[in-house]
Amino acid sequence: MRKNSQNVKKTKIGKSLSNIKMDDVPPFDRPREKMIRKGPRSLSTLELVAAILGKGVKGKGVFEVASEIVKFSEKNFERLSIEKLQSINGVGTAKACQIMAAIEFSRRFLIQEGIQIRTDRDVFQLVSEMADKKQEYFLTLTVDGANNLIQKRTVFIGTLNQSLIHPREIFADAIADRAAGIILVHNHPSGKSTPSKEDFDVTDRLLKAGKIIGIEILDHIIVSRNGYYSFQKNGYFNKGIRVQR
């Protein structure tokens, strides 16, 4: 979340917006009312977060809670999670889920312009938030013929198993995207990024399916809190993302 000169907005009485109660703000200038009148772009970052939260907690106004979330996010946005948001005083499970849902909604529907994947490192930067996940997540990145990102999707959550990761689930969206290739990504909550036998079996199965369908699997990246492993970089694929050395 980028810093915004309007993050801490001054009211007419000279107080910082983060230090006043919602009741002290004129009704027409409250975040949600202002959004209705002027649109979401008219709101500062602080006001946007306050609009998501709706209200504060006992002894702590919504702007104060929103201000702490903004400050925390400016330093930790790429690794933001429900658990980390809950570490902020005034943010419970419901509020943390609201914020993460808003972020994920944006990620899924924003047009991914100008993102070209040239190396396995580029992939890791796009999925680095997976490193701290407590469960296994299986993602796909669909790309066009020039390795431009089309879409990033979460396909499966849970223990990676050959019987659960069906080629139909992987290739259906890629076909709809008219993708030229797919990059597979999943995480290891254990902290070890070394592939397991199950990882190799799943990769083999999807490679074979890709050859039949005509959509190439370019790489399979395993992410952990201690780094990542690229099947392609380690010589497992004959083709794939061109690794720049």
Protein backbone atom coordinates (compact mmCIF):
# COMPACT_ATOMS: atom_id res chain seq x y z
CA MET A 1 0.00 0.00 0.00
CA ARG A 2 1.66 3.17 -1.16
CA LYS A 3 2.15 6.13 1.08
CA ASN A 4 -0.38 8.84 0.48
CA SER A 5 0.02 12.47 1.44
CA GLN A 6 -3.63 12.32 2.47
CA ASN A 7 -3.19 9.37 4.81
CA VAL A 8 -3.37 11.64 7.84
CA LYS A 9 -5.91 14.23 6.83
CA LYS A 10 -6.43 17.43 8.80
CA THR A 11 -9.94 18.50 9.73
CA LYS A 12 -11.13 22.09 9.82
CA ILE A 13 -10.61 22.21 13.58
CA GLY A 14 -6.97 21.28 13.12
CA LYS A 15 -7.06 17.77 14.52
CA SER A 16 -5.61 14.77 12.75
CA LEU A 17 -8.43 12.66 11.30
CA SER A 18 -6.87 9.59 12.92
CA ASN A 19 -7.41 11.11 16.36
CA ILE A 20 -11.11 11.99 16.13
CA LYS A 21 -14.32 10.00 16.42
CA MET A 22 -16.63 9.37 13.48
CA ASP A 23 -19.38 11.35 15.28
CA ASP A 24 -17.15 14.44 15.17
CA VAL A 25 -16.96 14.34 11.37
CA PRO A 26 -19.80 16.09 9.53
CA PRO A 27 -22.14 13.46 8.02
CA PHE A 28 -21.46 14.59 4.45
CA ASP A 29 -17.69 14.18 4.97
CA ARG A 30 -17.68 10.68 6.47
CA PRO A 31 -15.90 8.06 4.30
CA ARG A 32 -18.91 6.13 3.03
CA GLU A 33 -21.06 9.22 2.45
CA LYS A 34 -18.14 10.93 0.73
CA MET A 35 -17.62 7.88 -1.47
CA ILE A 36 -21.27 7.95 -2.53
CA ARG A 37 -21.03 11.64 -3.43
CA LYS A 38 -17.59 11.81 -5.01
CA GLY A 39 -16.53 8.23 -5.76
CA PRO A 40 -13.84 6.02 -4.13
CA ARG A 41 -10.94 7.91 -5.71
CA SER A 42 -11.81 10.98 -3.66
CA LEU A 43 -10.96 9.16 -0.41
CA SER A 44 -7.54 9.14 1.21
CA THR A 45 -5.98 5.77 2.04
CA LEU A 46 -7.00 6.27 5.66
CA GLU A 47 -10.59 6.97 4.67
CA LEU A 48 -10.71 3.91 2.38
CA VAL A 49 -9.67 1.63 5.25
CA ALA A 50 -12.16 3.33 7.58
CA ALA A 51 -14.90 2.74 4.98
CA ILE A 52 -14.04 -0.98 4.92
CA LEU A 53 -14.02 -1.23 8.73
CA GLY A 54 -17.23 0.74 9.24
CA LYS A 55 -16.69 1.30 12.95
CA GLY A 56 -14.07 1.11 15.65
CA VAL A 57 -14.00 -0.77 18.94
CA LYS A 58 -14.62 0.24 22.52
CA GLY A 59 -12.13 2.94 23.47
CA LYS A 60 -10.69 3.20 19.95
CA GLY A 61 -12.33 5.02 17.04
CA VAL A 62 -12.44 3.69 13.49
CA PHE A 63 -9.96 6.30 12.23
CA GLU A 64 -7.43 5.37 14.90
CA VAL A 65 -7.71 1.68 14.03
CA ALA A 66 -7.53 2.50 10.30
CA SER A 67 -4.43 4.65 10.85
CA GLU A 68 -2.58 1.76 12.53
CA ILE A 69 -3.59 -0.60 9.72
CA VAL A 70 -2.26 1.84 7.10
CA LYS A 71 1.06 2.27 8.93
CA PHE A 72 1.43 -1.49 9.35
CA SER A 73 0.53 -2.17 5.71
CA GLU A 74 3.03 0.33 4.33
CA LYS A 75 5.84 -1.83 5.72
CA ASN A 76 4.28 -5.29 5.44
CA PHE A 77 1.81 -5.22 2.56
CA GLU A 78 3.28 -8.11 0.53
CA ARG A 79 3.16 -10.39 3.57
CA LEU A 80 -0.16 -9.16 4.95
CA SER A 81 -2.35 -11.90 6.42
CA ILE A 82 -5.34 -12.31 8.70
CA GLU A 83 -3.05 -13.33 11.54
CA LYS A 84 -0.79 -10.28 11.14
CA LEU A 85 -3.72 -7.88 10.96
CA GLN A 86 -5.11 -9.38 14.16
CA SER A 87 -1.90 -8.36 15.93
CA ILE A 88 -3.10 -4.74 15.65
CA ASN A 89 -5.09 -3.60 18.66
CA GLY A 90 -8.69 -3.15 17.58
CA VAL A 91 -8.59 -5.60 14.65
CA GLY A 92 -10.43 -8.84 15.30
CA THR A 93 -11.15 -11.77 13.02
CA ALA A 94 -14.10 -10.09 11.28
CA LYS A 95 -12.22 -6.87 10.45
CA ALA A 96 -9.09 -8.75 9.36
CA CYS A 97 -11.20 -10.91 7.04
CA GLN A 98 -12.93 -7.82 5.59
CA ILE A 99 -9.57 -6.24 4.71
CA MET A 100 -8.05 -9.41 3.25
CA ALA A 101 -11.21 -10.07 1.24
CA ALA A 102 -11.05 -6.55 -0.24
CA ILE A 103 -7.39 -7.02 -1.17
CA GLU A 104 -7.99 -10.43 -2.75
CA PHE A 105 -11.01 -9.13 -4.66
CA SER A 106 -8.83 -6.40 -6.16
CA ARG A 107 -6.07 -8.85 -7.05
CA ARG A 108 -8.48 -11.12 -8.92
CA PHE A 109 -10.17 -8.48 -11.02
CA LEU A 110 -7.56 -5.81 -11.66
CA ILE A 111 -6.16 -5.97 -15.20
CA GLN A 112 -2.61 -7.25 -15.02
CA GLU A 113 -0.95 -4.83 -17.40
CA GLY A 114 2.73 -4.88 -18.21
CA ILE A 115 3.69 -7.85 -16.03
CA GLN A 116 6.07 -10.06 -17.97
CA ILE A 117 7.52 -13.16 -16.36
CA ARG A 118 11.10 -13.64 -17.49
CA THR A 119 12.60 -15.68 -14.64
CA ASP A 120 11.62 -17.88 -11.74
CA ARG A 121 12.45 -14.89 -9.51
CA ASP A 122 9.66 -12.92 -11.21
CA VAL A 123 7.24 -15.69 -10.27
CA PHE A 124 8.39 -15.69 -6.66
CA GLN A 125 7.85 -11.93 -6.38
CA LEU A 126 4.27 -12.37 -7.58
CA VAL A 127 3.49 -15.06 -5.00
CA SER A 128 5.77 -14.11 -2.08
CA GLU A 129 2.76 -13.74 0.26
CA MET A 130 2.44 -17.55 0.17
CA ALA A 131 5.67 -17.99 2.13
CA ASP A 132 4.00 -17.49 5.51
CA LYS A 133 0.78 -19.43 4.84
CA LYS A 134 -0.09 -22.06 7.44
CA GLN A 135 -1.87 -24.26 4.87
CA GLU A 136 -0.79 -25.46 1.45
CA TYR A 137 -2.07 -23.30 -1.41
CA PHE A 138 -1.93 -24.33 -5.06
CA LEU A 139 -1.92 -21.44 -7.55
CA THR A 140 -1.70 -21.11 -11.31
CA LEU A 141 -0.34 -18.21 -13.33
CA THR A 142 -1.56 -18.18 -16.91
CA VAL A 143 0.59 -16.40 -19.49
CA ASP A 144 0.43 -15.52 -23.18
CA GLY A 145 3.01 -16.42 -25.82
CA ALA A 146 5.32 -13.60 -24.69
CA ASN A 147 5.13 -14.71 -21.02
CA ASN A 148 2.89 -11.76 -20.11
CA LEU A 149 0.77 -12.54 -17.06
CA ILE A 150 -2.90 -13.05 -17.87
CA GLN A 151 -4.25 -14.14 -14.50
CA LYS A 152 -3.19 -15.45 -11.10
CA ARG A 153 -5.61 -17.87 -9.42
CA THR A 154 -5.88 -19.95 -6.27
CA VAL A 155 -6.99 -23.40 -7.45
CA PHE A 156 -6.78 -25.48 -4.29
CA ILE A 157 -6.17 -25.13 -0.54
CA GLY A 158 -5.06 -28.15 1.46
CA THR A 159 -2.49 -30.95 1.37
CA LEU A 160 -1.19 -31.46 -2.16
CA ASN A 161 -2.43 -34.80 -3.41
CA GLN A 162 -2.40 -36.28 -6.88
CA SER A 163 -6.03 -37.38 -6.53
CA LEU A 164 -7.17 -33.86 -5.64
CA ILE A 165 -5.20 -31.82 -8.19
CA HIS A 166 -7.10 -32.80 -11.33
CA PRO A 167 -5.91 -31.52 -14.73
CA ARG A 168 -9.47 -30.35 -15.42
CA GLU A 169 -9.21 -27.80 -12.57
CA ILE A 170 -5.84 -26.57 -13.80
CA PHE A 171 -6.52 -26.26 -17.52
CA ALA A 172 -10.16 -25.07 -17.59
CA ASP A 173 -9.26 -21.46 -16.74
CA ALA A 174 -6.18 -21.54 -18.96
CA ILE A 175 -8.34 -22.55 -21.92
CA ALA A 176 -10.80 -19.74 -21.10
CA ASP A 177 -7.84 -17.31 -20.91
CA ARG A 178 -6.55 -18.54 -24.29
CA ALA A 179 -3.24 -18.97 -22.49
CA ALA A 180 -0.09 -20.26 -24.14
CA GLY A 181 1.36 -21.54 -20.88
CA ILE A 182 0.81 -22.16 -17.20
CA ILE A 183 3.13 -21.76 -14.23
CA LEU A 184 2.26 -23.93 -11.24
CA VAL A 185 2.95 -22.64 -7.74
CA HIS A 186 2.38 -24.11 -4.31
CA ASN A 187 3.81 -23.57 -0.85
CA HIS A 188 5.36 -25.76 1.84
CA PRO A 189 4.30 -24.52 5.31
CA SER A 190 7.09 -26.67 6.79
CA GLY A 191 9.66 -24.15 5.58
CA LYS A 192 11.42 -26.66 3.31
CA SER A 193 11.06 -26.00 -0.40
CA THR A 194 12.53 -29.34 -1.54
CA PRO A 195 10.00 -31.26 -3.72
CA SER A 196 8.36 -34.36 -2.29
CA LYS A 197 7.52 -37.51 -4.23
CA GLU A 198 3.91 -36.26 -4.39
CA ASP A 199 5.13 -32.97 -5.89
CA PHE A 200 6.95 -34.84 -8.66
CA ASP A 201 3.94 -37.09 -9.32
CA VAL A 202 1.56 -34.13 -9.61
CA THR A 203 3.99 -32.29 -11.88
CA ASP A 204 4.41 -35.33 -14.15
CA ARG A 205 0.66 -35.76 -14.45
CA LEU A 206 0.07 -32.11 -15.36
CA LEU A 207 2.98 -32.05 -17.82
CA LYS A 208 1.45 -34.97 -19.71
CA ALA A 209 -2.00 -33.36 -19.68
CA GLY A 210 -0.54 -30.09 -20.95
CA LYS A 211 1.07 -31.81 -23.92
CA ILE A 212 -2.25 -33.40 -24.88
CA ILE A 213 -4.24 -30.17 -24.48
CA GLY A 214 -1.58 -28.00 -26.12
CA ILE A 215 -0.94 -25.64 -23.20
CA GLU A 216 2.59 -25.92 -21.90
CA ILE A 217 3.52 -26.14 -18.23
CA LEU A 218 6.42 -23.69 -18.04
CA ASP A 219 7.52 -24.22 -14.46
CA HIS A 220 6.45 -25.45 -11.05
CA ILE A 221 7.60 -23.26 -8.15
CA ILE A 222 7.55 -24.40 -4.52
CA VAL A 223 7.55 -21.51 -2.06
CA SER A 224 8.51 -21.59 1.61
CA ARG A 225 9.55 -19.07 4.24
CA ASN A 226 13.17 -20.03 3.55
CA GLY A 227 13.10 -19.46 -0.22
CA TYR A 228 11.76 -21.31 -3.24
CA TYR A 229 12.47 -24.20 -5.60
CA SER A 230 12.02 -24.06 -9.39
CA PHE A 231 11.58 -27.36 -11.23
CA GLN A 232 12.60 -25.71 -14.49
CA LYS A 233 15.71 -24.05 -13.10
CA ASN A 234 16.80 -27.35 -11.61
CA GLY A 235 16.65 -29.05 -14.99
CA TYR A 236 13.38 -30.93 -14.61
CA PHE A 237 11.74 -29.32 -17.66
CA ASN A 238 13.21 -29.36 -21.14
CA LYS A 239 11.42 -26.10 -21.87
CA GLY A 240 10.09 -23.32 -19.73
CA ILE A 241 10.83 -19.83 -18.57
CA ARG A 242 14.17 -18.69 -19.85
CA VAL A 243 16.34 -18.18 -16.83
CA GLN A 244 18.50 -15.07 -17.08
CA ARG A 245 21.89 -15.65 -15.52
